Amino acid sequence: MAAKKALKKPRKTPHQTAATNKPWYQSKTLWLNALAAALVVVEANFSLLQAELGNQAYIASMGALAAANLVLRSITREGLNFRSQP
């Protein structure tokens, strides 16, 4: 068991230098969350989604969105760089 741990590639930490982090706009997790936030604003102002989908489909879509966020977060291996690139 210890041999398996020794062979594993070390996971990157958020405290690494900006050179090893990807630009924020390449983050699928951030884009998914931005889309979710936009949908929340649309739903809060216009009540279009729930009326169109129905209660069960609306609840299922919210669960699917949360699951997609968890999957993307679990496969994240790089930090993000919010500074402009030179």
PDB file of N, CA and C in Angstrom:
ATOM      1  N   MET A   1       0.824  -1.190   0.000  1.00  0.00           N
ATOM      2  CA  MET A   1       0.000   0.000   0.000  1.00  0.00           C
ATOM      3  C   MET A   1       0.871   1.258   0.000  1.00  0.00           C
ATOM      4  N   ALA A   2       1.939   1.245   0.780  1.00  0.00           N
ATOM      5  CA  ALA A   2       2.833   2.399   0.827  1.00  0.00           C
ATOM      6  C   ALA A   2       3.513   2.611  -0.516  1.00  0.00           C
ATOM      7  N   ALA A   3       3.766   1.520  -1.245  1.00  0.00           N
ATOM      8  CA  ALA A   3       4.402   1.645  -2.555  1.00  0.00           C
ATOM      9  C   ALA A   3       3.475   2.348  -3.535  1.00  0.00           C
ATOM     10  N   LYS A   4       2.180   2.090  -3.451  1.00  0.00           N
ATOM     11  CA  LYS A   4       1.226   2.758  -4.334  1.00  0.00           C
ATOM     12  C   LYS A   4       1.205   4.257  -4.070  1.00  0.00           C
ATOM     13  N   LYS A   5       1.249   4.632  -2.808  1.00  0.00           N
ATOM     14  CA  LYS A   5       1.245   6.048  -2.464  1.00  0.00           C
ATOM     15  C   LYS A   5       2.510   6.734  -2.956  1.00  0.00           C
ATOM     16  N   ALA A   6       3.619   6.034  -2.906  1.00  0.00           N
ATOM     17  CA  ALA A   6       4.884   6.608  -3.346  1.00  0.00           C
ATOM     18  C   ALA A   6       4.883   6.834  -4.852  1.00  0.00           C
ATOM     19  N   LEU A   7       4.177   6.002  -5.610  1.00  0.00           N
ATOM     20  CA  LEU A   7       4.136   6.123  -7.058  1.00  0.00           C
ATOM     21  C   LEU A   7       3.133   7.164  -7.544  1.00  0.00           C
ATOM     22  N   LYS A   8       2.204   7.532  -6.688  1.00  0.00           N
ATOM     23  CA  LYS A   8       1.202   8.508  -7.093  1.00  0.00           C
ATOM     24  C   LYS A   8       1.835   9.865  -7.342  1.00  0.00           C
ATOM     25  N   LYS A   9       1.327  10.527  -8.361  1.00  0.00           N
ATOM     26  CA  LYS A   9       1.793  11.862  -8.679  1.00  0.00           C
ATOM     27  C   LYS A   9       1.257  12.834  -7.623  1.00  0.00           C
ATOM     28  N   PRO A  10       2.096  13.698  -7.073  1.00  0.00           N
ATOM     29  CA  PRO A  10       1.606  14.616  -6.042  1.00  0.00           C
ATOM     30  C   PRO A  10       0.578  15.580  -6.621  1.00  0.00           C
ATOM     31  N   ARG A  11      -0.450  15.840  -5.851  1.00  0.00           N
ATOM     32  CA  ARG A  11      -1.509  16.752  -6.269  1.00  0.00           C
ATOM     33  C   ARG A  11      -1.047  18.189  -6.144  1.00  0.00           C
ATOM     34  N   LYS A  12      -1.401  18.995  -7.116  1.00  0.00           N
ATOM     35  CA  LYS A  12      -1.013  20.405  -7.077  1.00  0.00           C
ATOM     36  C   LYS A  12      -1.805  21.124  -5.995  1.00  0.00           C
ATOM     37  N   THR A  13      -1.188  22.082  -5.369  1.00  0.00           N
ATOM     38  CA  THR A  13      -1.855  22.844  -4.321  1.00  0.00           C
ATOM     39  C   THR A  13      -2.196  24.234  -4.837  1.00  0.00           C
ATOM     40  N   PRO A  14      -3.164  24.903  -4.217  1.00  0.00           N
ATOM     41  CA  PRO A  14      -3.523  26.243  -4.660  1.00  0.00           C
ATOM     42  C   PRO A  14      -2.436  27.278  -4.416  1.00  0.00           C
ATOM     43  N   HIS A  15      -1.422  26.909  -3.630  1.00  0.00           N
ATOM     44  CA  HIS A  15      -0.378  27.866  -3.285  1.00  0.00           C
ATOM     45  C   HIS A  15       0.804  27.820  -4.243  1.00  0.00           C
ATOM     46  N   GLN A  16       0.644  27.147  -5.363  1.00  0.00           N
ATOM     47  CA  GLN A  16       1.727  27.103  -6.332  1.00  0.00           C
ATOM     48  C   GLN A  16       1.827  28.439  -7.059  1.00  0.00           C
ATOM     49  N   THR A  17       2.907  28.602  -7.794  1.00  0.00           N
ATOM     50  CA  THR A  17       3.109  29.867  -8.493  1.00  0.00           C
ATOM     51  C   THR A  17       2.088  30.029  -9.607  1.00  0.00           C
ATOM     52  N   ALA A  18       1.858  31.266 -10.001  1.00  0.00           N
ATOM     53  CA  ALA A  18       0.889  31.566 -11.049  1.00  0.00           C
ATOM     54  C   ALA A  18       1.282  30.927 -12.373  1.00  0.00           C
ATOM     55  N   ALA A  19       2.562  30.661 -12.579  1.00  0.00           N
ATOM     56  CA  ALA A  19       3.015  30.062 -13.831  1.00  0.00           C
ATOM     57  C   ALA A  19       2.468  28.648 -14.013  1.00  0.00           C
ATOM     58  N   THR A  20       2.174  27.936 -12.931  1.00  0.00           N
ATOM     59  CA  THR A  20       1.674  26.572 -13.041  1.00  0.00           C
ATOM     60  C   THR A  20       0.149  26.512 -13.035  1.00  0.00           C
ATOM     61  N   ASN A  21      -0.505  27.629 -12.809  1.00  0.00           N
ATOM     62  CA  ASN A  21      -1.959  27.673 -12.773  1.00  0.00           C
ATOM     63  C   ASN A  21      -2.510  28.066 -14.136  1.00  0.00           C
ATOM     64  N   LYS A  22      -3.718  27.604 -14.447  1.00  0.00           N
ATOM     65  CA  LYS A  22      -4.325  27.971 -15.725  1.00  0.00           C
ATOM     66  C   LYS A  22      -5.103  29.271 -15.568  1.00  0.00           C
ATOM     67  N   PRO A  23      -5.313  29.987 -16.678  1.00  0.00           N
ATOM     68  CA  PRO A  23      -6.112  31.215 -16.614  1.00  0.00           C
ATOM     69  C   PRO A  23      -7.544  30.901 -16.181  1.00  0.00           C
ATOM     70  N   TRP A  24      -8.173  31.819 -15.480  1.00  0.00           N
ATOM     71  CA  TRP A  24      -9.509  31.603 -14.932  1.00  0.00           C
ATOM     72  C   TRP A  24     -10.528  31.260 -16.009  1.00  0.00           C
ATOM     73  N   TYR A  25     -10.386  31.848 -17.207  1.00  0.00           N
ATOM     74  CA  TYR A  25     -11.376  31.633 -18.261  1.00  0.00           C
ATOM     75  C   TYR A  25     -11.321  30.230 -18.868  1.00  0.00           C
ATOM     76  N   GLN A  26     -10.346  29.423 -18.491  1.00  0.00           N
ATOM     77  CA  GLN A  26     -10.282  28.040 -18.953  1.00  0.00           C
ATOM     78  C   GLN A  26     -10.907  27.068 -17.950  1.00  0.00           C
ATOM     79  N   SER A  27     -11.468  27.579 -16.880  1.00  0.00           N
ATOM     80  CA  SER A  27     -12.054  26.736 -15.838  1.00  0.00           C
ATOM     81  C   SER A  27     -13.492  26.355 -16.183  1.00  0.00           C
ATOM     82  N   LYS A  28     -13.722  25.068 -16.391  1.00  0.00           N
ATOM     83  CA  LYS A  28     -15.077  24.580 -16.661  1.00  0.00           C
ATOM     84  C   LYS A  28     -15.973  24.770 -15.441  1.00  0.00           C
ATOM     85  N   THR A  29     -15.410  24.636 -14.257  1.00  0.00           N
ATOM     86  CA  THR A  29     -16.179  24.809 -13.026  1.00  0.00           C
ATOM     87  C   THR A  29     -16.680  26.244 -12.902  1.00  0.00           C
ATOM     88  N   LEU A  30     -15.825  27.224 -13.177  1.00  0.00           N
ATOM     89  CA  LEU A  30     -16.261  28.617 -13.101  1.00  0.00           C
ATOM     90  C   LEU A  30     -17.340  28.921 -14.134  1.00  0.00           C
ATOM     91  N   TRP A  31     -17.191  28.398 -15.353  1.00  0.00           N
ATOM     92  CA  TRP A  31     -18.195  28.636 -16.392  1.00  0.00           C
ATOM     93  C   TRP A  31     -19.532  27.995 -16.023  1.00  0.00           C
ATOM     94  N   LEU A  32     -19.493  26.799 -15.476  1.00  0.00           N
ATOM     95  CA  LEU A  32     -20.727  26.136 -15.053  1.00  0.00           C
ATOM     96  C   LEU A  32     -21.411  26.940 -13.957  1.00  0.00           C
ATOM     97  N   ASN A  33     -20.653  27.421 -13.000  1.00  0.00           N
ATOM     98  CA  ASN A  33     -21.225  28.207 -11.911  1.00  0.00           C
ATOM     99  C   ASN A  33     -21.731  29.564 -12.399  1.00  0.00           C
ATOM    100  N   ALA A  34     -21.072  30.159 -13.378  1.00  0.00           N
ATOM    101  CA  ALA A  34     -21.557  31.413 -13.965  1.00  0.00           C
ATOM    102  C   ALA A  34     -22.887  31.182 -14.676  1.00  0.00           C
ATOM    103  N   LEU A  35     -22.998  30.075 -15.394  1.00  0.00           N
ATOM    104  CA  LEU A  35     -24.252  29.724 -16.052  1.00  0.00           C
ATOM    105  C   LEU A  35     -25.355  29.502 -15.021  1.00  0.00           C
ATOM    106  N   ALA A  36     -25.034  28.799 -13.949  1.00  0.00           N
ATOM    107  CA  ALA A  36     -26.011  28.552 -12.887  1.00  0.00           C
ATOM    108  C   ALA A  36     -26.469  29.867 -12.270  1.00  0.00           C
ATOM    109  N   ALA A  37     -25.556  30.793 -12.033  1.00  0.00           N
ATOM    110  CA  ALA A  37     -25.914  32.094 -11.461  1.00  0.00           C
ATOM    111  C   ALA A  37     -26.819  32.869 -12.422  1.00  0.00           C
ATOM    112  N   ALA A  38     -26.514  32.816 -13.705  1.00  0.00           N
ATOM    113  CA  ALA A  38     -27.355  33.498 -14.694  1.00  0.00           C
ATOM    114  C   ALA A  38     -28.760  32.895 -14.721  1.00  0.00           C
ATOM    115  N   LEU A  39     -28.847  31.572 -14.628  1.00  0.00           N
ATOM    116  CA  LEU A  39     -30.154  30.916 -14.608  1.00  0.00           C
ATOM    117  C   LEU A  39     -30.951  31.285 -13.359  1.00  0.00           C
ATOM    118  N   VAL A  40     -30.268  31.442 -12.242  1.00  0.00           N
ATOM    119  CA  VAL A  40     -30.938  31.858 -11.002  1.00  0.00           C
ATOM    120  C   VAL A  40     -31.522  33.263 -11.173  1.00  0.00           C
ATOM    121  N   VAL A  41     -30.769  34.163 -11.783  1.00  0.00           N
ATOM    122  CA  VAL A  41     -31.253  35.527 -12.008  1.00  0.00           C
ATOM    123  C   VAL A  41     -32.469  35.513 -12.938  1.00  0.00           C
ATOM    124  N   VAL A  42     -32.387  34.742 -14.014  1.00  0.00           N
ATOM    125  CA  VAL A  42     -33.510  34.644 -14.954  1.00  0.00           C
ATOM    126  C   VAL A  42     -34.740  34.079 -14.245  1.00  0.00           C
ATOM    127  N   GLU A  43     -34.551  33.026 -13.488  1.00  0.00           N
ATOM    128  CA  GLU A  43     -35.669  32.397 -12.792  1.00  0.00           C
ATOM    129  C   GLU A  43     -36.276  33.334 -11.750  1.00  0.00           C
ATOM    130  N   ALA A  44     -35.438  34.046 -11.031  1.00  0.00           N
ATOM    131  CA  ALA A  44     -35.937  34.954  -9.997  1.00  0.00           C
ATOM    132  C   ALA A  44     -36.727  36.116 -10.591  1.00  0.00           C
ATOM    133  N   ASN A  45     -36.340  36.576 -11.763  1.00  0.00           N
ATOM    134  CA  ASN A  45     -36.995  37.735 -12.355  1.00  0.00           C
ATOM    135  C   ASN A  45     -38.163  37.391 -13.274  1.00  0.00           C
ATOM    136  N   PHE A  46     -38.092  36.260 -13.943  1.00  0.00           N
ATOM    137  CA  PHE A  46     -39.091  35.952 -14.962  1.00  0.00           C
ATOM    138  C   PHE A  46     -39.881  34.668 -14.709  1.00  0.00           C
ATOM    139  N   SER A  47     -39.442  33.844 -13.789  1.00  0.00           N
ATOM    140  CA  SER A  47     -40.096  32.565 -13.475  1.00  0.00           C
ATOM    141  C   SER A  47     -40.370  31.732 -14.723  1.00  0.00           C
ATOM    142  N   LEU A  48     -39.405  31.675 -15.610  1.00  0.00           N
ATOM    143  CA  LEU A  48     -39.575  30.952 -16.868  1.00  0.00           C
ATOM    144  C   LEU A  48     -39.242  29.468 -16.756  1.00  0.00           C
ATOM    145  N   LEU A  49     -38.196  29.165 -16.029  1.00  0.00           N
ATOM    146  CA  LEU A  49     -37.696  27.790 -16.022  1.00  0.00           C
ATOM    147  C   LEU A  49     -38.656  26.821 -15.360  1.00  0.00           C
ATOM    148  N   GLN A  50     -39.091  27.139 -14.176  1.00  0.00           N
ATOM    149  CA  GLN A  50     -39.965  26.215 -13.453  1.00  0.00           C
ATOM    150  C   GLN A  50     -41.305  26.060 -14.155  1.00  0.00           C
ATOM    151  N   ALA A  51     -41.829  27.145 -14.698  1.00  0.00           N
ATOM    152  CA  ALA A  51     -43.094  27.071 -15.420  1.00  0.00           C
ATOM    153  C   ALA A  51     -42.956  26.221 -16.678  1.00  0.00           C
ATOM    154  N   GLU A  52     -41.835  26.324 -17.345  1.00  0.00           N
ATOM    155  CA  GLU A  52     -41.608  25.576 -18.591  1.00  0.00           C
ATOM    156  C   GLU A  52     -41.295  24.104 -18.330  1.00  0.00           C
ATOM    157  N   LEU A  53     -40.504  23.841 -17.297  1.00  0.00           N
ATOM    158  CA  LEU A  53     -40.066  22.469 -17.032  1.00  0.00           C
ATOM    159  C   LEU A  53     -41.045  21.667 -16.172  1.00  0.00           C
ATOM    160  N   GLY A  54     -41.776  22.324 -15.317  1.00  0.00           N
ATOM    161  CA  GLY A  54     -42.590  21.610 -14.337  1.00  0.00           C
ATOM    162  C   GLY A  54     -41.779  21.387 -13.076  1.00  0.00           C
ATOM    163  N   ASN A  55     -42.460  21.118 -11.975  1.00  0.00           N
ATOM    164  CA  ASN A  55     -41.781  21.013 -10.685  1.00  0.00           C
ATOM    165  C   ASN A  55     -40.750  19.892 -10.619  1.00  0.00           C
ATOM    166  N   GLN A  56     -41.107  18.701 -11.062  1.00  0.00           N
ATOM    167  CA  GLN A  56     -40.188  17.564 -10.941  1.00  0.00           C
ATOM    168  C   GLN A  56     -38.956  17.735 -11.824  1.00  0.00           C
ATOM    169  N   ALA A  57     -39.143  18.166 -13.056  1.00  0.00           N
ATOM    170  CA  ALA A  57     -38.001  18.370 -13.955  1.00  0.00           C
ATOM    171  C   ALA A  57     -37.124  19.517 -13.470  1.00  0.00           C
ATOM    172  N   TYR A  58     -37.755  20.542 -12.915  1.00  0.00           N
ATOM    173  CA  TYR A  58     -36.997  21.680 -12.386  1.00  0.00           C
ATOM    174  C   TYR A  58     -36.108  21.240 -11.227  1.00  0.00           C
ATOM    175  N   ILE A  59     -36.669  20.476 -10.310  1.00  0.00           N
ATOM    176  CA  ILE A  59     -35.891  19.970  -9.171  1.00  0.00           C
ATOM    177  C   ILE A  59     -34.796  19.023  -9.651  1.00  0.00           C
ATOM    178  N   ALA A  60     -35.113  18.170 -10.612  1.00  0.00           N
ATOM    179  CA  ALA A  60     -34.108  17.245 -11.159  1.00  0.00           C
ATOM    180  C   ALA A  60     -32.980  18.009 -11.842  1.00  0.00           C
ATOM    181  N   SER A  61     -33.309  19.093 -12.547  1.00  0.00           N
ATOM    182  CA  SER A  61     -32.263  19.873 -13.217  1.00  0.00           C
ATOM    183  C   SER A  61     -31.357  20.566 -12.207  1.00  0.00           C
ATOM    184  N   MET A  62     -31.923  21.006 -11.086  1.00  0.00           N
ATOM    185  CA  MET A  62     -31.096  21.605 -10.039  1.00  0.00           C
ATOM    186  C   MET A  62     -30.155  20.563  -9.430  1.00  0.00           C
ATOM    187  N   GLY A  63     -30.658  19.353  -9.245  1.00  0.00           N
ATOM    188  CA  GLY A  63     -29.814  18.270  -8.744  1.00  0.00           C
ATOM    189  C   GLY A  63     -28.720  17.909  -9.731  1.00  0.00           C
ATOM    190  N   ALA A  64     -29.057  17.894 -11.022  1.00  0.00           N
ATOM    191  CA  ALA A  64     -28.058  17.591 -12.057  1.00  0.00           C
ATOM    192  C   ALA A  64     -26.984  18.671 -12.104  1.00  0.00           C
ATOM    193  N   LEU A  65     -27.383  19.917 -11.927  1.00  0.00           N
ATOM    194  CA  LEU A  65     -26.421  21.016 -11.902  1.00  0.00           C
ATOM    195  C   LEU A  65     -25.467  20.881 -10.718  1.00  0.00           C
ATOM    196  N   ALA A  66     -26.007  20.539  -9.562  1.00  0.00           N
ATOM    197  CA  ALA A  66     -25.157  20.329  -8.384  1.00  0.00           C
ATOM    198  C   ALA A  66     -24.215  19.142  -8.594  1.00  0.00           C
ATOM    199  N   ALA A  67     -24.715  18.071  -9.196  1.00  0.00           N
ATOM    200  CA  ALA A  67     -23.875  16.896  -9.454  1.00  0.00           C
ATOM    201  C   ALA A  67     -22.764  17.233 -10.443  1.00  0.00           C
ATOM    202  N   ALA A  68     -23.090  17.982 -11.497  1.00  0.00           N
ATOM    203  CA  ALA A  68     -22.073  18.381 -12.476  1.00  0.00           C
ATOM    204  C   ALA A  68     -20.992  19.224 -11.817  1.00  0.00           C
ATOM    205  N   ASN A  69     -21.398  20.108 -10.918  1.00  0.00           N
ATOM    206  CA  ASN A  69     -20.434  20.933 -10.191  1.00  0.00           C
ATOM    207  C   ASN A  69     -19.514  20.066  -9.331  1.00  0.00           C
ATOM    208  N   LEU A  70     -20.083  19.078  -8.653  1.00  0.00           N
ATOM    209  CA  LEU A  70     -19.271  18.175  -7.832  1.00  0.00           C
ATOM    210  C   LEU A  70     -18.281  17.375  -8.674  1.00  0.00           C
ATOM    211  N   VAL A  71     -18.735  16.895  -9.829  1.00  0.00           N
ATOM    212  CA  VAL A  71     -17.838  16.132 -10.716  1.00  0.00           C
ATOM    213  C   VAL A  71     -16.692  17.003 -11.193  1.00  0.00           C
ATOM    214  N   LEU A  72     -17.009  18.198 -11.680  1.00  0.00           N
ATOM    215  CA  LEU A  72     -15.945  19.089 -12.156  1.00  0.00           C
ATOM    216  C   LEU A  72     -14.986  19.455 -11.030  1.00  0.00           C
ATOM    217  N   ARG A  73     -15.521  19.689  -9.857  1.00  0.00           N
ATOM    218  CA  ARG A  73     -14.658  20.046  -8.723  1.00  0.00           C
ATOM    219  C   ARG A  73     -13.760  18.885  -8.317  1.00  0.00           C
ATOM    220  N   SER A  74     -14.278  17.669  -8.418  1.00  0.00           N
ATOM    221  CA  SER A  74     -13.490  16.507  -8.005  1.00  0.00           C
ATOM    222  C   SER A  74     -12.361  16.189  -8.978  1.00  0.00           C
ATOM    223  N   ILE A  75     -12.490  16.590 -10.240  1.00  0.00           N
ATOM    224  CA  ILE A  75     -11.428  16.290 -11.210  1.00  0.00           C
ATOM    225  C   ILE A  75     -10.465  17.455 -11.400  1.00  0.00           C
ATOM    226  N   THR A  76     -10.686  18.528 -10.665  1.00  0.00           N
ATOM    227  CA  THR A  76      -9.808  19.692 -10.767  1.00  0.00           C
ATOM    228  C   THR A  76      -8.417  19.346 -10.258  1.00  0.00           C
ATOM    229  N   ARG A  77      -7.428  19.639 -11.050  1.00  0.00           N
ATOM    230  CA  ARG A  77      -6.038  19.356 -10.674  1.00  0.00           C
ATOM    231  C   ARG A  77      -5.169  20.605 -10.669  1.00  0.00           C
ATOM    232  N   GLU A  78      -5.651  21.696 -11.236  1.00  0.00           N
ATOM    233  CA  GLU A  78      -4.853  22.910 -11.334  1.00  0.00           C
ATOM    234  C   GLU A  78      -5.506  24.047 -10.564  1.00  0.00           C
ATOM    235  N   GLY A  79      -4.683  24.954 -10.129  1.00  0.00           N
ATOM    236  CA  GLY A  79      -5.205  26.180  -9.538  1.00  0.00           C
ATOM    237  C   GLY A  79      -5.551  27.160 -10.641  1.00  0.00           C
ATOM    238  N   LEU A  80      -6.094  28.299 -10.261  1.00  0.00           N
ATOM    239  CA  LEU A  80      -6.460  29.322 -11.232  1.00  0.00           C
ATOM    240  C   LEU A  80      -5.596  30.552 -11.061  1.00  0.00           C
ATOM    241  N   ASN A  81      -5.349  31.206 -12.167  1.00  0.00           N
ATOM    242  CA  ASN A  81      -4.584  32.444 -12.177  1.00  0.00           C
ATOM    243  C   ASN A  81      -5.536  33.565 -12.578  1.00  0.00           C
ATOM    244  N   PHE A  82      -5.792  34.498 -11.673  1.00  0.00           N
ATOM    245  CA  PHE A  82      -6.701  35.601 -11.957  1.00  0.00           C
ATOM    246  C   PHE A  82      -5.961  36.853 -12.418  1.00  0.00           C
ATOM    247  N   ARG A  83      -4.672  36.778 -12.494  1.00  0.00           N
ATOM    248  CA  ARG A  83      -3.875  37.920 -12.961  1.00  0.00           C
ATOM    249  C   ARG A  83      -3.724  37.849 -14.470  1.00  0.00           C
ATOM    250  N   SER A  84      -3.539  39.011 -15.088  1.00  0.00           N
ATOM    251  CA  SER A  84      -3.364  39.023 -16.542  1.00  0.00           C
ATOM    252  C   SER A  84      -2.016  38.416 -16.897  1.00  0.00           C
ATOM    253  N   GLN A  85      -2.001  37.756 -18.025  1.00  0.00           N
ATOM    254  CA  GLN A  85      -0.773  37.076 -18.479  1.00  0.00           C
ATOM    255  C   GLN A  85       0.181  38.106 -19.106  1.00  0.00           C
ATOM    256  N   PRO A  86       1.492  37.974 -18.868  1.00  0.00           N
ATOM    257  CA  PRO A  86       2.466  38.922 -19.455  1.00  0.00           C
ATOM    258  C   PRO A  86       2.605  38.720 -20.943  1.00  0.00           C
TER     259      PRO A  86
END
